[in-house]
Each structure stands twice: as structure tokens, then as C-alpha cells.
Protein backbone atom coordinates (compact mmCIF):
# COMPACT_ATOMS: atom_id res chain seq x y z
CA MET A 1 98.25 89.52 91.16
CA GLY A 2 96.16 91.95 93.31
CA ASP A 3 95.52 95.56 94.18
CA PHE A 4 96.88 98.35 91.42
CA ILE A 5 98.82 101.49 93.26
CA ARG A 6 99.76 104.23 91.03
CA TYR A 7 101.75 107.42 92.15
CA ILE A 8 101.20 109.90 89.02
CA LEU A 9 104.50 112.25 88.90
CA THR A 10 103.23 115.85 88.18
CA GLU A 11 106.54 117.76 87.59
CA PRO A 12 109.49 117.08 85.37
CA HIS A 13 111.78 114.26 86.94
CA ASP A 14 115.02 111.79 85.91
CA LEU A 15 113.46 108.74 87.73
CA THR A 16 113.99 105.62 86.67
CA LEU A 17 113.71 102.38 88.08
CA GLU A 18 117.28 101.87 89.66
CA GLY A 19 116.19 105.27 91.44
CA VAL A 20 112.85 103.61 92.46
CA GLU A 21 115.15 100.70 93.83
CA LYS A 22 117.04 103.15 95.85
CA GLY A 23 113.91 104.45 97.35
CA LEU A 24 113.08 101.17 98.22
CA LYS A 25 116.19 100.35 99.75
CA GLN A 26 116.28 103.44 101.88
CA ILE A 27 112.96 101.99 103.19
CA ASP A 28 114.49 98.55 103.56
CA PRO A 29 117.87 97.56 102.34
CA GLU A 30 115.86 94.11 101.72
CA PHE A 31 114.19 95.46 98.85
CA ALA A 32 115.22 94.99 95.42
CA ILE A 33 113.79 95.06 91.91
CA VAL A 34 114.77 92.77 89.35
CA VAL A 35 114.47 94.08 86.00
CA ASP A 36 112.23 92.15 83.32
CA GLN A 37 114.53 91.41 80.53
CA ALA A 38 111.99 92.23 77.73
CA ALA A 39 111.11 95.44 78.86
CA ALA A 40 113.85 97.75 81.17
CA ASN A 41 110.79 99.63 82.28
CA MET A 42 109.45 96.94 84.38
CA GLY A 43 110.38 94.25 87.01
CA ASP A 44 109.60 92.70 90.03
CA VAL A 45 109.62 94.14 93.48
CA LEU A 46 111.34 91.85 96.04
CA LEU A 47 111.77 91.90 100.00
CA GLY A 48 113.88 89.48 100.83
CA GLY A 49 113.50 86.98 98.40
CA GLU A 50 109.61 87.14 98.59
CA ILE A 51 107.69 88.84 95.51
CA PHE A 52 105.76 92.00 96.85
CA GLY A 53 104.52 92.73 93.47
CA GLU A 54 105.27 93.98 90.11
CA ILE A 55 106.16 97.92 89.28
CA GLU A 56 106.31 99.64 85.97
CA LEU A 57 107.72 103.03 85.29
CA ASN A 58 105.86 104.73 82.45
CA ARG A 59 106.45 108.07 80.58
CA PRO A 60 104.24 110.16 78.82
CA GLU A 61 105.73 108.78 75.30
CA ASP A 62 104.58 105.31 76.54
CA GLN A 63 101.07 103.77 74.97
CA VAL A 64 100.28 102.35 78.52
CA PHE A 65 100.84 105.61 80.29
CA ASP A 66 98.25 107.55 77.59
CA GLU A 67 95.93 104.50 78.37
CA ASP A 68 96.46 104.60 82.30
CA ILE A 69 95.78 108.22 82.12
CA GLU A 70 92.31 107.78 79.77
CA ASP A 71 91.27 104.88 82.05
CA LEU A 72 92.08 106.80 85.36
CA ARG A 73 89.88 109.74 83.76
CA GLU A 74 86.92 107.44 82.59
CA GLN A 75 86.89 106.31 86.28
CA LEU A 76 85.92 109.87 87.42
CA VAL A 77 83.24 110.91 84.88
CA ASP A 78 80.31 110.46 87.26
CA ILE A 79 82.26 112.36 89.97
CA PRO A 80 81.43 116.31 90.14
CA PRO A 81 83.96 118.64 88.58
CA SER A 82 84.28 120.41 92.05
CA GLU A 83 85.14 117.44 93.77
CA LYS A 84 87.48 116.05 91.28
CA SER A 85 89.51 119.15 90.17
CA VAL A 86 92.54 118.17 92.28
CA VAL A 87 92.71 115.10 90.45
CA MET A 88 91.88 116.10 87.19
CA LYS A 89 94.41 118.73 87.03
CA ALA A 90 97.14 116.33 87.89
CA LEU A 91 96.30 113.69 85.50
CA ALA A 92 96.44 116.84 83.05
CA LYS A 93 100.34 117.57 84.31
CA ALA A 94 101.22 114.20 84.70
CA THR A 95 105.06 113.85 83.76
CA GLY A 96 104.94 109.73 84.43
CA MET A 97 103.62 107.01 86.77
CA ILE A 98 104.58 104.30 88.76
CA ALA A 99 102.25 101.35 88.65
CA PHE A 100 102.78 98.91 91.14
CA GLN A 101 100.63 95.90 91.49
CA LEU A 102 100.78 93.97 94.39
CA SER A 103 101.19 90.57 95.03
CA GLU A 104 99.35 88.68 97.59
CA GLU A 105 102.38 88.68 99.56
CA GLY A 106 102.76 92.38 99.02
CA HIS A 107 99.02 92.70 99.94
CA ASP A 108 99.51 90.74 103.35
CA HIS A 109 102.68 92.42 104.37
CA TYR A 110 101.32 96.16 102.86
CA GLY A 111 103.01 97.79 105.98
CA ARG A 112 106.35 97.28 104.47
CA ILE A 113 105.85 98.88 101.09
CA ASP A 114 103.55 101.95 102.61
CA PRO A 115 106.22 104.02 103.59
CA PHE A 116 107.76 103.71 99.93
CA TRP A 117 105.07 106.36 98.96
CA ASP A 118 105.98 108.81 101.47
CA TRP A 119 109.95 108.28 100.19
CA LEU A 120 107.99 109.55 96.82
CA PHE A 121 106.03 112.23 98.21
CA VAL A 122 109.23 114.08 99.86
CA HIS A 123 111.33 113.62 96.52
CA TYR A 124 108.86 113.71 93.54
CA ALA A 125 105.82 115.39 93.24
CA GLY A 126 102.49 113.62 92.68
CA LEU A 127 99.38 112.26 93.71
CA LEU A 128 98.67 108.53 94.81
CA GLN A 129 95.99 106.62 93.35
CA ILE A 130 94.88 103.22 95.07
CA ASP A 131 92.14 101.16 93.39
CA ASP A 132 88.79 101.07 95.25
CA GLU A 133 90.11 103.61 97.45
CA GLY A 134 90.97 107.11 95.75
CA TYR A 135 93.25 109.64 95.39
CA TYR A 136 95.80 111.04 98.11
CA ASN A 137 98.31 113.69 98.37
CA GLN A 138 101.43 113.74 101.22
CA ASP A 139 98.63 114.54 104.08
CA ASP A 140 95.37 113.67 103.08
CA GLN A 141 93.08 111.72 101.00
CA VAL A 142 91.77 114.29 98.38
CA LEU A 143 89.12 112.14 96.54
CA GLU A 144 87.36 109.09 97.38
CA VAL A 145 86.43 106.64 94.86
CA ASP A 146 84.61 102.98 94.76
């Protein structure tokens, strides 16, 4: 597996993996999520039978959620407060997180997944985090992180 992309939800929501799958299908009806039988909050994202990555939906009551938020905060320690304030506010009020780990296929055909983030921004308030790039709102990059 490759790159991690996280969508940090910042307002109350009722999002489920089924809802995530519906959003993906609005982008392309060939998308599907095969839910992990051992963990109902995670699964493989497929497009036309090809695995594009693994997806996980976490909530504040999940240990993984707390660990991810703490890891993201730690990555920002050396950044001046004025530059990271938008991100720190989003992390403080996070109500959930969609973590998507791209497979090689997903990385190679990222343009097929990219519209899903726009769909999320339209339907759910949040901030997008891409490893080794930074944080984005619906319109722009709000913080660059190497």
C-alpha cells in the first residue's frame, strides 16, 4: 500500500461506510467498498474490480482516531502557530476521520479518486490531509507539510 489521505470531519455527521460508498458511486458507479468482516468500519475500495486502496472510517470513541489525531498534531510541532492555526482548530473539533490508504493502482489512477474529495467537501465540513503534502480546504492548500 502507498500514500495516506485523510478527510478530517469537523461537524456532527452520520456518515457510514455505506454513505462513503454512495459518494464514491456518484463519482463513478463502478466504485464499491468490500467491508472487512472483522471490522465493519473498514474495507477495500474497488473500481471495476481493481483494488484502489483501503478505507477506514473512525470516530472520536475509537482508539485509532485518537492516535491519528495525536500523530497529526505531532507532525505540526515545528510549524509556527500562526501558520497551523486552521489545521489545529480542525483537529481540535474533529468529529470523525476517513483514512484512505492508496494501493499502487489507486496511486497510478489518482484522477479517478480525486473527485471524491470534492464530493466530501460539498456534503461534509472538513479538511483534507495528504501525507507529504499538507492540508487542504475546498478551495486551496491551507498548510504545506513536507
